[in-house]
PDB file of all heavy atoms in Angstrom:
ATOM      1  N   MET A   1     118.330 147.519 146.738  1.00  0.00           N
ATOM      2  CA  MET A   1     118.089 146.208 146.127  1.00  0.00           C
ATOM      3  C   MET A   1     117.840 146.452 144.506  1.00  0.00           C
ATOM      4  O   MET A   1     117.041 147.394 144.278  1.00  0.00           O
ATOM      5  CB  MET A   1     116.909 145.370 146.782  1.00  0.00           C
ATOM      6  CG  MET A   1     117.215 145.060 148.160  1.00  0.00           C
ATOM      7  SD  MET A   1     115.772 144.261 148.933  1.00  0.00           S
ATOM      8  CE  MET A   1     116.330 143.664 150.495  1.00  0.00           C
ATOM      9  N   ASP A   2     118.271 145.535 143.767  1.00  0.00           N
ATOM     10  CA  ASP A   2     118.018 145.895 142.269  1.00  0.00           C
ATOM     11  C   ASP A   2     116.519 145.693 141.985  1.00  0.00           C
ATOM     12  O   ASP A   2     116.097 146.236 140.954  1.00  0.00           O
ATOM     13  CB  ASP A   2     118.767 144.791 141.450  1.00  0.00           C
ATOM     14  CG  ASP A   2     120.313 145.206 141.272  1.00  0.00           C
ATOM     15  OD1 ASP A   2     120.679 146.280 141.475  1.00  0.00           O
ATOM     16  OD2 ASP A   2     120.971 144.346 141.037  1.00  0.00           O
ATOM     17  N   SER A   3     115.682 144.930 142.672  1.00  0.00           N
ATOM     18  CA  SER A   3     114.369 144.905 142.438  1.00  0.00           C
ATOM     19  C   SER A   3     113.551 146.153 142.833  1.00  0.00           C
ATOM     20  O   SER A   3     112.291 146.457 142.497  1.00  0.00           O
ATOM     21  CB  SER A   3     113.725 143.715 143.123  1.00  0.00           C
ATOM     22  OG  SER A   3     113.944 143.768 144.560  1.00  0.00           O
ATOM     23  N   VAL A   4     114.177 147.116 143.590  1.00  0.00           N
ATOM     24  CA  VAL A   4     113.571 148.178 144.257  1.00  0.00           C
ATOM     25  C   VAL A   4     114.085 149.527 143.549  1.00  0.00           C
ATOM     26  O   VAL A   4     113.327 150.372 143.167  1.00  0.00           O
ATOM     27  CB  VAL A   4     113.785 148.246 145.745  1.00  0.00           C
ATOM     28  CG1 VAL A   4     113.244 149.429 146.401  1.00  0.00           C
ATOM     29  CG2 VAL A   4     113.316 146.950 146.323  1.00  0.00           C
ATOM     30  N   MET A   5     115.354 149.645 143.551  1.00  0.00           N
ATOM     31  CA  MET A   5     115.887 150.876 143.131  1.00  0.00           C
ATOM     32  C   MET A   5     116.900 150.890 141.955  1.00  0.00           C
ATOM     33  O   MET A   5     117.889 150.076 142.019  1.00  0.00           O
ATOM     34  CB  MET A   5     116.842 151.423 144.371  1.00  0.00           C
ATOM     35  CG  MET A   5     116.153 151.979 145.470  1.00  0.00           C
ATOM     36  SD  MET A   5     115.369 153.669 145.018  1.00  0.00           S
ATOM     37  CE  MET A   5     113.584 153.328 145.786  1.00  0.00           C
ATOM     38  N   SER A   6     116.517 151.538 140.852  1.00  0.00           N
ATOM     39  CA  SER A   6     117.320 151.871 139.693  1.00  0.00           C
ATOM     40  C   SER A   6     117.629 153.383 139.817  1.00  0.00           C
ATOM     41  O   SER A   6     116.995 154.108 140.669  1.00  0.00           O
ATOM     42  CB  SER A   6     116.517 151.508 138.439  1.00  0.00           C
ATOM     43  OG  SER A   6     115.448 152.465 138.318  1.00  0.00           O
ATOM     44  N   PRO A   7     118.541 153.876 139.147  1.00  0.00           N
ATOM     45  CA  PRO A   7     118.793 155.376 139.059  1.00  0.00           C
ATOM     46  C   PRO A   7     117.477 156.023 138.805  1.00  0.00           C
ATOM     47  O   PRO A   7     117.212 157.024 139.465  1.00  0.00           O
ATOM     48  CB  PRO A   7     119.879 155.564 137.999  1.00  0.00           C
ATOM     49  CG  PRO A   7     120.633 154.281 137.951  1.00  0.00           C
ATOM     50  CD  PRO A   7     119.529 153.171 138.146  1.00  0.00           C
ATOM     51  N   GLU A   8     116.670 155.608 137.937  1.00  0.00           N
ATOM     52  CA  GLU A   8     115.463 156.425 137.603  1.00  0.00           C
ATOM     53  C   GLU A   8     114.428 156.225 138.649  1.00  0.00           C
ATOM     54  O   GLU A   8     113.844 157.213 139.187  1.00  0.00           O
ATOM     55  CB  GLU A   8     114.766 155.739 136.299  1.00  0.00           C
ATOM     56  CG  GLU A   8     115.514 156.025 135.028  1.00  0.00           C
ATOM     57  CD  GLU A   8     116.762 155.124 134.839  1.00  0.00           C
ATOM     58  OE1 GLU A   8     116.860 154.130 135.544  1.00  0.00           O
ATOM     59  OE2 GLU A   8     117.535 155.292 133.959  1.00  0.00           O
ATOM     60  N   THR A   9     114.140 155.026 139.348  1.00  0.00           N
ATOM     61  CA  THR A   9     113.395 154.872 140.350  1.00  0.00           C
ATOM     62  C   THR A   9     113.909 155.703 141.561  1.00  0.00           C
ATOM     63  O   THR A   9     113.123 156.290 142.356  1.00  0.00           O
ATOM     64  CB  THR A   9     113.273 153.399 140.854  1.00  0.00           C
ATOM     65  OG1 THR A   9     113.017 152.633 139.765  1.00  0.00           O
ATOM     66  CG2 THR A   9     112.178 153.179 141.718  1.00  0.00           C
ATOM     67  N   ALA A  10     115.188 155.740 141.893  1.00  0.00           N
ATOM     68  CA  ALA A  10     115.774 156.620 142.827  1.00  0.00           C
ATOM     69  C   ALA A  10     115.468 158.013 142.718  1.00  0.00           C
ATOM     70  O   ALA A  10     115.088 158.705 143.769  1.00  0.00           O
ATOM     71  CB  ALA A  10     117.339 156.381 142.977  1.00  0.00           C
ATOM     72  N   ILE A  11     115.498 158.494 141.580  1.00  0.00           N
ATOM     73  CA  ILE A  11     115.129 159.980 141.244  1.00  0.00           C
ATOM     74  C   ILE A  11     113.662 160.098 141.564  1.00  0.00           C
ATOM     75  O   ILE A  11     113.265 161.139 142.301  1.00  0.00           O
ATOM     76  CB  ILE A  11     115.511 160.282 139.855  1.00  0.00           C
ATOM     77  CG1 ILE A  11     116.998 160.403 139.700  1.00  0.00           C
ATOM     78  CG2 ILE A  11     114.827 161.651 139.411  1.00  0.00           C
ATOM     79  CD1 ILE A  11     117.404 160.311 138.269  1.00  0.00           C
ATOM     80  N   ALA A  12     112.774 159.276 141.115  1.00  0.00           N
ATOM     81  CA  ALA A  12     111.305 159.428 141.382  1.00  0.00           C
ATOM     82  C   ALA A  12     111.053 159.336 142.852  1.00  0.00           C
ATOM     83  O   ALA A  12     110.292 160.156 143.379  1.00  0.00           O
ATOM     84  CB  ALA A  12     110.565 158.346 140.640  1.00  0.00           C
ATOM     85  N   PHE A  13     111.681 158.444 143.564  1.00  0.00           N
ATOM     86  CA  PHE A  13     111.469 158.271 144.977  1.00  0.00           C
ATOM     87  C   PHE A  13     111.936 159.504 145.775  1.00  0.00           C
ATOM     88  O   PHE A  13     111.322 159.976 146.699  1.00  0.00           O
ATOM     89  CB  PHE A  13     112.144 157.075 145.492  1.00  0.00           C
ATOM     90  CG  PHE A  13     111.921 156.713 146.885  1.00  0.00           C
ATOM     91  CD1 PHE A  13     110.837 156.327 147.367  1.00  0.00           C
ATOM     92  CD2 PHE A  13     113.042 156.815 147.798  1.00  0.00           C
ATOM     93  CE1 PHE A  13     110.662 155.824 148.721  1.00  0.00           C
ATOM     94  CE2 PHE A  13     112.897 156.448 149.077  1.00  0.00           C
ATOM     95  CZ  PHE A  13     111.761 155.905 149.597  1.00  0.00           C
ATOM     96  N   GLY A  14     113.168 160.046 145.416  1.00  0.00           N
ATOM     97  CA  GLY A  14     113.676 161.194 146.057  1.00  0.00           C
ATOM     98  C   GLY A  14     112.753 162.450 145.854  1.00  0.00           C
ATOM     99  O   GLY A  14     112.622 163.210 146.751  1.00  0.00           O
ATOM    100  N   ARG A  15     112.126 162.582 144.639  1.00  0.00           N
ATOM    101  CA  ARG A  15     111.257 163.617 144.559  1.00  0.00           C
ATOM    102  C   ARG A  15     109.896 163.604 145.223  1.00  0.00           C
ATOM    103  O   ARG A  15     109.395 164.563 145.424  1.00  0.00           O
ATOM    104  CB  ARG A  15     110.868 163.753 142.980  1.00  0.00           C
ATOM    105  CG  ARG A  15     112.189 164.313 142.180  1.00  0.00           C
ATOM    106  CD  ARG A  15     111.819 164.226 140.596  1.00  0.00           C
ATOM    107  NE  ARG A  15     112.993 164.786 139.869  1.00  0.00           N
ATOM    108  CZ  ARG A  15     113.239 164.664 138.561  1.00  0.00           C
ATOM    109  NH1 ARG A  15     112.454 163.863 137.845  1.00  0.00           N
ATOM    110  NH2 ARG A  15     114.336 165.241 138.016  1.00  0.00           N
ATOM    111  N   LEU A  16     109.627 162.349 145.644  1.00  0.00           N
ATOM    112  CA  LEU A  16     108.430 162.132 146.476  1.00  0.00           C
ATOM    113  C   LEU A  16     108.829 162.525 147.975  1.00  0.00           C
ATOM    114  O   LEU A  16     107.779 162.548 148.732  1.00  0.00           O
ATOM    115  CB  LEU A  16     107.852 160.747 146.366  1.00  0.00           C
ATOM    116  CG  LEU A  16     107.239 160.415 145.018  1.00  0.00           C
ATOM    117  CD1 LEU A  16     106.905 158.988 144.886  1.00  0.00           C
ATOM    118  CD2 LEU A  16     105.979 161.276 144.836  1.00  0.00           C
ATOM    119  N   GLY A  17     110.021 162.591 148.359  1.00  0.00           N
ATOM    120  CA  GLY A  17     110.270 163.009 149.646  1.00  0.00           C
ATOM    121  C   GLY A  17     111.127 162.014 150.387  1.00  0.00           C
ATOM    122  O   GLY A  17     111.391 162.248 151.603  1.00  0.00           O
ATOM    123  N   GLY A  18     111.514 160.928 149.826  1.00  0.00           N
ATOM    124  CA  GLY A  18     112.153 159.826 150.537  1.00  0.00           C
ATOM    125  C   GLY A  18     113.648 159.898 150.291  1.00  0.00           C
ATOM    126  O   GLY A  18     114.160 160.621 149.524  1.00  0.00           O
ATOM    127  N   LEU A  19     114.474 158.934 150.926  1.00  0.00           N
ATOM    128  CA  LEU A  19     115.877 158.788 150.680  1.00  0.00           C
ATOM    129  C   LEU A  19     116.158 157.620 149.927  1.00  0.00           C
ATOM    130  O   LEU A  19     116.110 156.498 150.453  1.00  0.00           O
ATOM    131  CB  LEU A  19     116.630 158.784 152.010  1.00  0.00           C
ATOM    132  CG  LEU A  19     118.037 158.364 151.948  1.00  0.00           C
ATOM    133  CD1 LEU A  19     118.913 159.342 151.163  1.00  0.00           C
ATOM    134  CD2 LEU A  19     118.775 158.344 153.435  1.00  0.00           C
ATOM    135  N   PRO A  20     116.515 157.586 148.654  1.00  0.00           N
ATOM    136  CA  PRO A  20     116.850 156.438 147.905  1.00  0.00           C
ATOM    137  C   PRO A  20     118.224 156.048 148.110  1.00  0.00           C
ATOM    138  O   PRO A  20     119.134 156.833 148.176  1.00  0.00           O
ATOM    139  CB  PRO A  20     116.539 156.868 146.464  1.00  0.00           C
ATOM    140  CG  PRO A  20     116.897 158.372 146.511  1.00  0.00           C
ATOM    141  CD  PRO A  20     116.586 158.880 147.777  1.00  0.00           C
ATOM    142  N   VAL A  21     118.441 154.624 148.151  1.00  0.00           N
ATOM    143  CA  VAL A  21     119.831 154.186 148.289  1.00  0.00           C
ATOM    144  C   VAL A  21     120.074 153.177 147.222  1.00  0.00           C
ATOM    145  O   VAL A  21     119.299 152.113 146.983  1.00  0.00           O
ATOM    146  CB  VAL A  21     120.060 153.396 149.568  1.00  0.00           C
ATOM    147  CG1 VAL A  21     121.468 152.943 149.715  1.00  0.00           C
ATOM    148  CG2 VAL A  21     119.751 154.485 150.805  1.00  0.00           C
ATOM    149  N   LEU A  22     121.092 153.326 146.352  1.00  0.00           N
ATOM    150  CA  LEU A  22     121.353 152.434 145.256  1.00  0.00           C
ATOM    151  C   LEU A  22     122.390 151.411 145.639  1.00  0.00           C
ATOM    152  O   LEU A  22     123.312 151.648 146.428  1.00  0.00           O
ATOM    153  CB  LEU A  22     121.994 153.290 144.153  1.00  0.00           C
ATOM    154  CG  LEU A  22     122.022 152.619 142.747  1.00  0.00           C
ATOM    155  CD1 LEU A  22     120.651 152.345 142.212  1.00  0.00           C
ATOM    156  CD2 LEU A  22     122.826 153.399 141.803  1.00  0.00           C
ATOM    157  N   ASP A  23     122.045 150.111 145.295  1.00  0.00           N
ATOM    158  CA  ASP A  23     123.009 149.049 145.588  1.00  0.00           C
ATOM    159  C   ASP A  23     124.112 149.151 144.603  1.00  0.00           C
ATOM    160  O   ASP A  23     124.019 149.023 143.350  1.00  0.00           O
ATOM    161  CB  ASP A  23     122.219 147.738 145.288  1.00  0.00           C
ATOM    162  CG  ASP A  23     123.095 146.503 145.630  1.00  0.00           C
ATOM    163  OD1 ASP A  23     124.348 146.736 146.094  1.00  0.00           O
ATOM    164  OD2 ASP A  23     122.774 145.357 145.354  1.00  0.00           O
ATOM    165  N   LEU A  24     125.381 149.484 145.150  1.00  0.00           N
ATOM    166  CA  LEU A  24     126.546 149.684 144.295  1.00  0.00           C
ATOM    167  C   LEU A  24     127.293 148.312 144.094  1.00  0.00           C
ATOM    168  O   LEU A  24     128.292 148.312 143.508  1.00  0.00           O
ATOM    169  CB  LEU A  24     127.489 150.746 145.043  1.00  0.00           C
ATOM    170  CG  LEU A  24     126.902 152.045 145.353  1.00  0.00           C
ATOM    171  CD1 LEU A  24     127.851 152.956 146.001  1.00  0.00           C
ATOM    172  CD2 LEU A  24     126.285 152.682 144.032  1.00  0.00           C
ATOM    173  N   GLU A  25     126.622 147.318 144.363  1.00  0.00           N
ATOM    174  CA  GLU A  25     127.175 145.994 143.966  1.00  0.00           C
ATOM    175  C   GLU A  25     126.077 145.211 143.229  1.00  0.00           C
ATOM    176  O   GLU A  25     126.166 143.995 142.965  1.00  0.00           O
ATOM    177  CB  GLU A  25     127.446 145.167 145.205  1.00  0.00           C
ATOM    178  CG  GLU A  25     128.585 145.774 146.132  1.00  0.00           C
ATOM    179  CD  GLU A  25     128.724 144.927 147.312  1.00  0.00           C
ATOM    180  OE1 GLU A  25     128.692 143.622 147.375  1.00  0.00           O
ATOM    181  OE2 GLU A  25     128.872 145.618 148.547  1.00  0.00           O
ATOM    182  N   GLY A  26     125.064 145.973 142.683  1.00  0.00           N
ATOM    183  CA  GLY A  26     124.046 145.363 141.878  1.00  0.00           C
ATOM    184  C   GLY A  26     124.246 145.472 140.388  1.00  0.00           C
ATOM    185  O   GLY A  26     125.375 145.766 139.929  1.00  0.00           O
ATOM    186  N   LEU A  27     123.199 145.146 139.652  1.00  0.00           N
ATOM    187  CA  LEU A  27     123.366 145.213 138.196  1.00  0.00           C
ATOM    188  C   LEU A  27     123.799 146.443 137.528  1.00  0.00           C
ATOM    189  O   LEU A  27     124.417 146.500 136.543  1.00  0.00           O
ATOM    190  CB  LEU A  27     122.073 144.653 137.608  1.00  0.00           C
ATOM    191  CG  LEU A  27     121.649 143.147 138.032  1.00  0.00           C
ATOM    192  CD1 LEU A  27     120.389 142.875 137.282  1.00  0.00           C
ATOM    193  CD2 LEU A  27     122.733 142.195 137.540  1.00  0.00           C
ATOM    194  N   TRP A  28     123.292 147.531 138.229  1.00  0.00           N
ATOM    195  CA  TRP A  28     123.605 148.906 137.624  1.00  0.00           C
ATOM    196  C   TRP A  28     124.995 149.265 137.617  1.00  0.00           C
ATOM    197  O   TRP A  28     125.414 150.180 136.928  1.00  0.00           O
ATOM    198  CB  TRP A  28     122.748 149.885 138.360  1.00  0.00           C
ATOM    199  CG  TRP A  28     121.270 149.612 138.227  1.00  0.00           C
ATOM    200  CD1 TRP A  28     120.468 148.932 139.068  1.00  0.00           C
ATOM    201  CD2 TRP A  28     120.559 149.947 137.063  1.00  0.00           C
ATOM    202  NE1 TRP A  28     119.280 148.856 138.449  1.00  0.00           N
ATOM    203  CE2 TRP A  28     119.268 149.453 137.287  1.00  0.00           C
ATOM    204  CE3 TRP A  28     120.872 150.586 135.803  1.00  0.00           C
ATOM    205  CZ2 TRP A  28     118.165 149.572 136.352  1.00  0.00           C
ATOM    206  CZ3 TRP A  28     119.783 150.835 134.950  1.00  0.00           C
ATOM    207  CH2 TRP A  28     118.416 150.289 135.223  1.00  0.00           C
ATOM    208  N   THR A  29     125.839 148.605 138.415  1.00  0.00           N
ATOM    209  CA  THR A  29     127.243 148.825 138.492  1.00  0.00           C
ATOM    210  C   THR A  29     128.136 147.687 137.912  1.00  0.00           C
ATOM    211  O   THR A  29     129.349 147.780 137.920  1.00  0.00           O
ATOM    212  CB  THR A  29     127.793 149.120 139.986  1.00  0.00           C
ATOM    213  OG1 THR A  29     127.572 147.839 140.748  1.00  0.00           O
ATOM    214  CG2 THR A  29     127.054 150.322 140.561  1.00  0.00           C
ATOM    215  N   ARG A  30     127.459 146.709 137.372  1.00  0.00           N
ATOM    216  CA  ARG A  30     128.117 145.579 136.658  1.00  0.00           C
ATOM    217  C   ARG A  30     127.856 145.657 135.203  1.00  0.00           C
ATOM    218  O   ARG A  30     128.703 145.119 134.426  1.00  0.00           O
ATOM    219  CB  ARG A  30     127.623 144.212 137.289  1.00  0.00           C
ATOM    220  CG  ARG A  30     127.923 144.128 138.707  1.00  0.00           C
ATOM    221  CD  ARG A  30     127.278 142.738 139.250  1.00  0.00           C
ATOM    222  NE  ARG A  30     127.155 142.641 140.596  1.00  0.00           N
ATOM    223  CZ  ARG A  30     128.131 141.996 141.458  1.00  0.00           C
ATOM    224  NH1 ARG A  30     129.104 141.338 140.732  1.00  0.00           N
ATOM    225  NH2 ARG A  30     128.081 141.915 142.754  1.00  0.00           N
ATOM    226  N   TYR A  31     126.771 146.167 134.758  1.00  0.00           N
ATOM    227  CA  TYR A  31     126.450 146.196 133.322  1.00  0.00           C
ATOM    228  C   TYR A  31     125.993 147.608 132.819  1.00  0.00           C
ATOM    229  O   TYR A  31     125.351 148.410 133.570  1.00  0.00           O
ATOM    230  CB  TYR A  31     125.239 145.327 133.114  1.00  0.00           C
ATOM    231  CG  TYR A  31     125.488 143.798 133.265  1.00  0.00           C
ATOM    232  CD1 TYR A  31     125.207 143.254 134.552  1.00  0.00           C
ATOM    233  CD2 TYR A  31     126.093 143.019 132.347  1.00  0.00           C
ATOM    234  CE1 TYR A  31     125.461 141.935 134.963  1.00  0.00           C
ATOM    235  CE2 TYR A  31     126.399 141.605 132.706  1.00  0.00           C
ATOM    236  CZ  TYR A  31     126.083 141.080 133.913  1.00  0.00           C
ATOM    237  OH  TYR A  31     126.197 139.758 134.229  1.00  0.00           O
ATOM    238  N   GLU A  32     126.414 147.975 131.711  1.00  0.00           N
ATOM    239  CA  GLU A  32     126.022 149.180 131.084  1.00  0.00           C
ATOM    240  C   GLU A  32     124.583 149.442 130.892  1.00  0.00           C
ATOM    241  O   GLU A  32     123.962 150.528 131.194  1.00  0.00           O
ATOM    242  CB  GLU A  32     126.739 149.471 129.800  1.00  0.00           C
ATOM    243  CG  GLU A  32     126.711 150.810 129.206  1.00  0.00           C
ATOM    244  CD  GLU A  32     127.455 151.823 129.869  1.00  0.00           C
ATOM    245  OE1 GLU A  32     128.632 151.560 130.256  1.00  0.00           O
ATOM    246  OE2 GLU A  32     127.048 152.890 130.133  1.00  0.00           O
ATOM    247  N   ASP A  33     123.940 148.249 130.462  1.00  0.00           N
ATOM    248  CA  ASP A  33     122.472 148.352 130.351  1.00  0.00           C
ATOM    249  C   ASP A  33     121.905 146.996 130.942  1.00  0.00           C
ATOM    250  O   ASP A  33     121.830 146.014 130.311  1.00  0.00           O
ATOM    251  CB  ASP A  33     122.071 148.431 128.848  1.00  0.00           C
ATOM    252  CG  ASP A  33     120.473 148.255 128.590  1.00  0.00           C
ATOM    253  OD1 ASP A  33     119.795 148.638 129.592  1.00  0.00           O
ATOM    254  OD2 ASP A  33     120.122 148.182 127.528  1.00  0.00           O
ATOM    255  N   PRO A  34     121.431 147.115 132.148  1.00  0.00           N
ATOM    256  CA  PRO A  34     120.981 145.841 132.849  1.00  0.00           C
ATOM    257  C   PRO A  34     119.546 145.631 132.535  1.00  0.00           C
ATOM    258  O   PRO A  34     118.997 144.629 133.040  1.00  0.00           O
ATOM    259  CB  PRO A  34     121.171 146.191 134.313  1.00  0.00           C
ATOM    260  CG  PRO A  34     121.101 147.609 134.446  1.00  0.00           C
ATOM    261  CD  PRO A  34     121.512 148.182 133.058  1.00  0.00           C
ATOM    262  N   ALA A  35     118.801 146.415 131.808  1.00  0.00           N
ATOM    263  CA  ALA A  35     117.338 146.135 131.498  1.00  0.00           C
ATOM    264  C   ALA A  35     117.111 144.833 130.882  1.00  0.00           C
ATOM    265  O   ALA A  35     116.055 144.072 131.533  1.00  0.00           O
ATOM    266  CB  ALA A  35     116.837 147.266 130.551  1.00  0.00           C
ATOM    267  N   PRO A  36     117.816 144.294 129.929  1.00  0.00           N
ATOM    268  CA  PRO A  36     117.516 142.928 129.506  1.00  0.00           C
ATOM    269  C   PRO A  36     117.712 141.863 130.616  1.00  0.00           C
ATOM    270  O   PRO A  36     116.942 140.881 130.604  1.00  0.00           O
ATOM    271  CB  PRO A  36     118.486 142.747 128.341  1.00  0.00           C
ATOM    272  CG  PRO A  36     118.922 143.985 127.919  1.00  0.00           C
ATOM    273  CD  PRO A  36     118.804 144.838 129.166  1.00  0.00           C
ATOM    274  N   LEU A  37     118.611 142.010 131.438  1.00  0.00           N
ATOM    275  CA  LEU A  37     118.881 141.043 132.490  1.00  0.00           C
ATOM    276  C   LEU A  37     117.837 141.088 133.528  1.00  0.00           C
ATOM    277  O   LEU A  37     117.392 140.085 134.044  1.00  0.00           O
ATOM    278  CB  LEU A  37     120.252 141.273 133.077  1.00  0.00           C
ATOM    279  CG  LEU A  37     121.437 141.109 132.181  1.00  0.00           C
ATOM    280  CD1 LEU A  37     122.663 141.498 132.667  1.00  0.00           C
ATOM    281  CD2 LEU A  37     121.603 139.539 131.837  1.00  0.00           C
ATOM    282  N   LEU A  38     117.291 142.318 133.855  1.00  0.00           N
ATOM    283  CA  LEU A  38     116.224 142.563 134.946  1.00  0.00           C
ATOM    284  C   LEU A  38     114.940 141.744 134.299  1.00  0.00           C
ATOM    285  O   LEU A  38     114.148 141.130 134.947  1.00  0.00           O
ATOM    286  CB  LEU A  38     115.899 143.917 135.102  1.00  0.00           C
ATOM    287  CG  LEU A  38     116.927 144.535 135.956  1.00  0.00           C
ATOM    288  CD1 LEU A  38     116.788 146.129 135.853  1.00  0.00           C
ATOM    289  CD2 LEU A  38     116.857 144.164 137.422  1.00  0.00           C
ATOM    290  N   ALA A  39     114.728 141.895 132.934  1.00  0.00           N
ATOM    291  CA  ALA A  39     113.511 141.252 132.329  1.00  0.00           C
ATOM    292  C   ALA A  39     113.780 139.731 132.401  1.00  0.00           C
ATOM    293  O   ALA A  39     112.725 138.954 132.558  1.00  0.00           O
ATOM    294  CB  ALA A  39     113.431 141.749 130.943  1.00  0.00           C
ATOM    295  N   GLU A  40     114.947 139.277 132.097  1.00  0.00           N
ATOM    296  CA  GLU A  40     115.239 137.873 132.140  1.00  0.00           C
ATOM    297  C   GLU A  40     114.967 137.232 133.526  1.00  0.00           C
ATOM    298  O   GLU A  40     114.356 136.237 133.741  1.00  0.00           O
ATOM    299  CB  GLU A  40     116.628 137.548 131.741  1.00  0.00           C
ATOM    300  CG  GLU A  40     117.059 136.053 131.725  1.00  0.00           C
ATOM    301  CD  GLU A  40     118.458 135.706 131.395  1.00  0.00           C
ATOM    302  OE1 GLU A  40     119.223 136.641 130.983  1.00  0.00           O
ATOM    303  OE2 GLU A  40     118.938 134.573 131.632  1.00  0.00           O
ATOM    304  N   ILE A  41     115.515 137.954 134.601  1.00  0.00           N
ATOM    305  CA  ILE A  41     115.229 137.481 136.071  1.00  0.00           C
ATOM    306  C   ILE A  41     113.820 137.338 136.303  1.00  0.00           C
ATOM    307  O   ILE A  41     113.317 136.369 136.907  1.00  0.00           O
ATOM    308  CB  ILE A  41     116.021 138.445 136.935  1.00  0.00           C
ATOM    309  CG1 ILE A  41     117.432 138.272 136.847  1.00  0.00           C
ATOM    310  CG2 ILE A  41     115.516 138.166 138.456  1.00  0.00           C
ATOM    311  CD1 ILE A  41     118.266 139.391 137.669  1.00  0.00           C
ATOM    312  N   ALA A  42     112.897 138.400 135.863  1.00  0.00           N
ATOM    313  CA  ALA A  42     111.509 138.305 136.133  1.00  0.00           C
ATOM    314  C   ALA A  42     110.746 137.161 135.378  1.00  0.00           C
ATOM    315  O   ALA A  42     109.716 136.675 135.800  1.00  0.00           O
ATOM    316  CB  ALA A  42     110.821 139.713 135.651  1.00  0.00           C
ATOM    317  N   ALA A  43     111.525 136.615 134.326  1.00  0.00           N
ATOM    318  CA  ALA A  43     110.980 135.595 133.457  1.00  0.00           C
ATOM    319  C   ALA A  43     111.255 134.263 133.897  1.00  0.00           C
ATOM    320  O   ALA A  43     110.824 133.230 133.389  1.00  0.00           O
ATOM    321  CB  ALA A  43     111.128 135.853 132.029  1.00  0.00           C
ATOM    322  N   LEU A  44     112.286 134.069 134.729  1.00  0.00           N
ATOM    323  CA  LEU A  44     112.849 132.816 135.121  1.00  0.00           C
ATOM    324  C   LEU A  44     111.818 131.906 135.949  1.00  0.00           C
ATOM    325  O   LEU A  44     111.057 132.527 136.684  1.00  0.00           O
ATOM    326  CB  LEU A  44     114.198 133.132 136.003  1.00  0.00           C
ATOM    327  CG  LEU A  44     115.414 133.507 135.354  1.00  0.00           C
ATOM    328  CD1 LEU A  44     116.410 133.961 136.342  1.00  0.00           C
ATOM    329  CD2 LEU A  44     115.971 132.608 134.312  1.00  0.00           C
ATOM    330  N   GLY A  45     111.968 130.763 135.706  1.00  0.00           N
ATOM    331  CA  GLY A  45     111.175 129.709 136.472  1.00  0.00           C
ATOM    332  C   GLY A  45     111.859 129.461 137.774  1.00  0.00           C
ATOM    333  O   GLY A  45     112.986 129.814 137.982  1.00  0.00           O
ATOM    334  N   PRO A  46     110.930 129.201 138.756  1.00  0.00           N
ATOM    335  CA  PRO A  46     111.492 129.011 140.208  1.00  0.00           C
ATOM    336  C   PRO A  46     112.626 127.992 140.286  1.00  0.00           C
ATOM    337  O   PRO A  46     113.554 128.281 141.182  1.00  0.00           O
ATOM    338  CB  PRO A  46     110.310 128.401 140.956  1.00  0.00           C
ATOM    339  CG  PRO A  46     109.111 128.901 140.202  1.00  0.00           C
ATOM    340  CD  PRO A  46     109.593 128.841 138.763  1.00  0.00           C
ATOM    341  N   GLU A  47     112.751 127.070 139.434  1.00  0.00           N
ATOM    342  CA  GLU A  47     113.669 125.997 139.540  1.00  0.00           C
ATOM    343  C   GLU A  47     115.020 126.438 139.095  1.00  0.00           C
ATOM    344  O   GLU A  47     116.090 125.913 139.549  1.00  0.00           O
ATOM    345  CB  GLU A  47     113.285 124.680 138.769  1.00  0.00           C
ATOM    346  CG  GLU A  47     113.330 124.910 137.242  1.00  0.00           C
ATOM    347  CD  GLU A  47     112.111 125.707 136.771  1.00  0.00           C
ATOM    348  OE1 GLU A  47     111.133 125.845 137.600  1.00  0.00           O
ATOM    349  OE2 GLU A  47     112.143 126.185 135.620  1.00  0.00           O
TER     350      GLU A  47
END
């Protein structure tokens, strides 16, 4: 899920001993730099 796993988070999670799975239909495979869009999603109002 995009809210859970980015490539960087996946690497950190793997180093702690878990198995990270990246969503290959998420923002990381649609945009070169999805960071601004992730920030926008977090700032959106519920409506």
